[in-house]
Amino acid sequence: MAGELRPIGTRPKLVASFDPPDAGEEFRRWRNARAGLLARVPAGALRVEYGRAPRGGLFVRVRIDEGELPPGLLAGS
């Protein structure tokens, strides 16, 4: 298949997910509790995705490139 062996870069790993109704507040608490670990992640490797849930309200997803995951982040999530 064309392009099958082309490198696509690092894949982002879902490290945290928060759903309505308190997604924003839960995300802030999670981020504050892990500030030391997250400080080691390069800005370009961290993605915070916000969106509207189908039934209303905000959801938040946090993804980090696999190669930049700090040790202990997933264990303490």
N, C-alpha and C. Protein backbone atom coordinates (compact mmCIF):
# COMPACT_ATOMS: atom_id res chain seq x y z
N MET A 1 0.85 -1.17 0.00
CA MET A 1 0.00 0.00 0.00
C MET A 1 0.90 1.24 0.00
N ALA A 2 0.54 2.23 -0.78
CA ALA A 2 1.34 3.44 -0.89
C ALA A 2 1.48 4.13 0.46
N GLY A 3 2.70 4.52 0.80
CA GLY A 3 2.96 5.23 2.04
C GLY A 3 2.96 4.37 3.29
N GLU A 4 2.84 3.07 3.11
CA GLU A 4 2.72 2.17 4.26
C GLU A 4 3.91 2.24 5.20
N LEU A 5 5.09 2.43 4.69
CA LEU A 5 6.28 2.43 5.53
C LEU A 5 6.78 3.83 5.87
N ARG A 6 5.99 4.83 5.58
CA ARG A 6 6.41 6.19 5.88
C ARG A 6 6.25 6.48 7.36
N PRO A 7 7.25 7.11 7.97
CA PRO A 7 7.12 7.43 9.39
C PRO A 7 6.01 8.48 9.59
N ILE A 8 5.22 8.29 10.61
CA ILE A 8 4.14 9.23 10.88
C ILE A 8 4.38 10.04 12.15
N GLY A 9 5.56 9.87 12.72
CA GLY A 9 5.87 10.61 13.94
C GLY A 9 5.43 9.86 15.17
N THR A 10 5.55 10.53 16.29
CA THR A 10 5.17 9.89 17.55
C THR A 10 3.66 9.93 17.72
N ARG A 11 3.15 8.94 18.39
CA ARG A 11 1.71 8.89 18.64
C ARG A 11 1.42 9.49 20.01
N PRO A 12 0.38 10.28 20.09
CA PRO A 12 0.02 10.80 21.41
C PRO A 12 -0.74 9.74 22.20
N LYS A 13 -0.40 9.61 23.47
CA LYS A 13 -1.06 8.65 24.36
C LYS A 13 -2.04 9.41 25.24
N LEU A 14 -3.24 8.89 25.35
CA LEU A 14 -4.23 9.49 26.23
C LEU A 14 -3.81 9.21 27.67
N VAL A 15 -3.54 10.27 28.44
CA VAL A 15 -3.10 10.10 29.82
C VAL A 15 -4.17 10.51 30.82
N ALA A 16 -5.17 11.27 30.40
CA ALA A 16 -6.25 11.67 31.29
C ALA A 16 -7.46 12.08 30.47
N SER A 17 -8.63 11.82 31.03
CA SER A 17 -9.88 12.15 30.36
C SER A 17 -10.90 12.57 31.41
N PHE A 18 -11.58 13.68 31.14
CA PHE A 18 -12.55 14.23 32.09
C PHE A 18 -13.85 14.55 31.35
N ASP A 19 -14.95 14.13 31.94
CA ASP A 19 -16.26 14.30 31.32
C ASP A 19 -17.13 15.25 32.14
N PRO A 20 -18.19 15.78 31.50
CA PRO A 20 -19.10 16.68 32.20
C PRO A 20 -19.75 15.95 33.39
N PRO A 21 -20.18 16.66 34.36
CA PRO A 21 -20.37 18.11 34.36
C PRO A 21 -19.18 18.89 34.92
N ASP A 22 -18.20 18.22 35.53
CA ASP A 22 -17.11 18.94 36.21
C ASP A 22 -15.76 18.77 35.55
N ALA A 23 -15.74 18.58 34.24
CA ALA A 23 -14.49 18.29 33.54
C ALA A 23 -13.44 19.37 33.73
N GLY A 24 -13.83 20.63 33.61
CA GLY A 24 -12.86 21.72 33.74
C GLY A 24 -12.20 21.74 35.11
N GLU A 25 -12.98 21.61 36.15
CA GLU A 25 -12.45 21.63 37.52
C GLU A 25 -11.62 20.38 37.81
N GLU A 26 -12.08 19.22 37.36
CA GLU A 26 -11.31 17.99 37.56
C GLU A 26 -9.98 18.06 36.83
N PHE A 27 -9.97 18.62 35.62
CA PHE A 27 -8.72 18.78 34.88
C PHE A 27 -7.76 19.70 35.64
N ARG A 28 -8.25 20.81 36.15
CA ARG A 28 -7.38 21.73 36.89
C ARG A 28 -6.77 21.06 38.12
N ARG A 29 -7.57 20.29 38.85
CA ARG A 29 -7.04 19.57 40.02
C ARG A 29 -5.99 18.55 39.60
N TRP A 30 -6.26 17.80 38.53
CA TRP A 30 -5.33 16.80 38.02
C TRP A 30 -4.01 17.46 37.61
N ARG A 31 -4.12 18.56 36.85
CA ARG A 31 -2.93 19.28 36.38
C ARG A 31 -2.12 19.82 37.55
N ASN A 32 -2.77 20.43 38.52
CA ASN A 32 -2.07 20.98 39.67
C ASN A 32 -1.38 19.90 40.49
N ALA A 33 -2.01 18.74 40.64
CA ALA A 33 -1.43 17.64 41.40
C ALA A 33 -0.22 17.03 40.71
N ARG A 34 -0.12 17.21 39.41
CA ARG A 34 0.97 16.61 38.62
C ARG A 34 1.87 17.66 37.97
N ALA A 35 1.85 18.85 38.50
CA ALA A 35 2.60 19.96 37.90
C ALA A 35 4.07 19.64 37.72
N GLY A 36 4.68 19.00 38.69
CA GLY A 36 6.10 18.66 38.60
C GLY A 36 6.40 17.72 37.45
N LEU A 37 5.57 16.69 37.28
CA LEU A 37 5.76 15.75 36.17
C LEU A 37 5.49 16.42 34.83
N LEU A 38 4.42 17.20 34.76
CA LEU A 38 4.05 17.84 33.50
C LEU A 38 5.06 18.90 33.07
N ALA A 39 5.78 19.48 34.02
CA ALA A 39 6.79 20.48 33.69
C ALA A 39 7.93 19.88 32.86
N ARG A 40 8.11 18.57 32.95
CA ARG A 40 9.18 17.90 32.19
C ARG A 40 8.78 17.58 30.76
N VAL A 41 7.52 17.77 30.43
CA VAL A 41 7.02 17.44 29.09
C VAL A 41 7.20 18.67 28.18
N PRO A 42 7.89 18.52 27.04
CA PRO A 42 8.01 19.65 26.11
C PRO A 42 6.64 20.13 25.65
N ALA A 43 6.50 21.42 25.49
CA ALA A 43 5.20 22.00 25.13
C ALA A 43 4.61 21.38 23.86
N GLY A 44 5.44 21.06 22.89
CA GLY A 44 4.95 20.49 21.64
C GLY A 44 4.48 19.05 21.76
N ALA A 45 4.79 18.39 22.87
CA ALA A 45 4.41 16.99 23.07
C ALA A 45 3.14 16.85 23.89
N LEU A 46 2.65 17.95 24.45
CA LEU A 46 1.47 17.93 25.31
C LEU A 46 0.28 18.52 24.57
N ARG A 47 -0.83 17.79 24.60
CA ARG A 47 -2.05 18.28 23.95
C ARG A 47 -3.19 18.23 24.96
N VAL A 48 -3.87 19.33 25.09
CA VAL A 48 -5.07 19.39 25.92
C VAL A 48 -6.22 19.71 24.96
N GLU A 49 -7.14 18.78 24.86
CA GLU A 49 -8.25 18.91 23.91
C GLU A 49 -9.54 19.18 24.68
N TYR A 50 -10.24 20.19 24.27
CA TYR A 50 -11.53 20.54 24.86
C TYR A 50 -12.60 20.34 23.80
N GLY A 51 -13.79 19.98 24.24
CA GLY A 51 -14.89 19.85 23.29
C GLY A 51 -16.22 19.77 24.01
N ARG A 52 -17.26 19.78 23.23
CA ARG A 52 -18.62 19.67 23.77
C ARG A 52 -19.07 18.22 23.69
N ALA A 53 -19.53 17.71 24.79
CA ALA A 53 -20.05 16.34 24.84
C ALA A 53 -21.40 16.29 24.12
N PRO A 54 -21.75 15.14 23.56
CA PRO A 54 -23.02 15.02 22.83
C PRO A 54 -24.25 15.43 23.66
N ARG A 55 -24.21 15.17 24.95
CA ARG A 55 -25.35 15.52 25.81
C ARG A 55 -25.16 16.86 26.51
N GLY A 56 -24.20 17.62 26.05
CA GLY A 56 -23.94 18.94 26.62
C GLY A 56 -22.82 18.90 27.64
N GLY A 57 -22.24 20.05 27.85
CA GLY A 57 -21.14 20.16 28.80
C GLY A 57 -19.79 19.99 28.12
N LEU A 58 -18.78 20.34 28.83
CA LEU A 58 -17.40 20.33 28.35
C LEU A 58 -16.72 19.02 28.71
N PHE A 59 -15.94 18.47 27.77
CA PHE A 59 -15.03 17.37 28.11
C PHE A 59 -13.61 17.83 27.87
N VAL A 60 -12.66 17.20 28.55
CA VAL A 60 -11.24 17.53 28.41
C VAL A 60 -10.47 16.22 28.27
N ARG A 61 -9.56 16.17 27.29
CA ARG A 61 -8.68 15.02 27.08
C ARG A 61 -7.24 15.53 27.09
N VAL A 62 -6.35 14.78 27.73
CA VAL A 62 -4.94 15.15 27.79
C VAL A 62 -4.14 14.04 27.13
N ARG A 63 -3.33 14.41 26.15
CA ARG A 63 -2.49 13.45 25.43
C ARG A 63 -1.04 13.94 25.44
N ILE A 64 -0.13 12.98 25.53
CA ILE A 64 1.31 13.28 25.50
C ILE A 64 1.97 12.31 24.53
N ASP A 65 2.87 12.82 23.70
CA ASP A 65 3.60 11.95 22.77
C ASP A 65 4.28 10.83 23.55
N GLU A 66 4.17 9.61 23.02
CA GLU A 66 4.70 8.43 23.71
C GLU A 66 6.16 8.58 24.13
N GLY A 67 6.96 9.17 23.29
CA GLY A 67 8.39 9.31 23.60
C GLY A 67 8.69 10.34 24.67
N GLU A 68 7.72 11.11 25.08
CA GLU A 68 7.95 12.17 26.07
C GLU A 68 7.22 11.93 27.39
N LEU A 69 6.61 10.76 27.55
CA LEU A 69 5.90 10.47 28.80
C LEU A 69 6.86 10.42 29.97
N PRO A 70 6.68 11.26 30.98
CA PRO A 70 7.57 11.19 32.14
C PRO A 70 7.27 9.94 32.98
N PRO A 71 8.30 9.30 33.50
CA PRO A 71 8.08 8.12 34.35
C PRO A 71 7.19 8.51 35.54
N GLY A 72 6.23 7.66 35.81
CA GLY A 72 5.37 7.88 36.97
C GLY A 72 4.07 8.60 36.65
N LEU A 73 3.95 9.19 35.47
CA LEU A 73 2.72 9.94 35.18
C LEU A 73 1.52 9.01 35.07
N LEU A 74 1.65 7.94 34.32
CA LEU A 74 0.51 7.02 34.15
C LEU A 74 0.21 6.27 35.43
N ALA A 75 1.23 5.91 36.19
CA ALA A 75 1.01 5.19 37.44
C ALA A 75 0.25 6.04 38.45
N GLY A 76 0.46 7.35 38.39
CA GLY A 76 -0.18 8.23 39.35
C GLY A 76 -1.42 8.92 38.82
N SER A 77 -1.88 8.53 37.65
CA SER A 77 -3.04 9.21 37.05
C SER A 77 -4.31 8.90 37.78
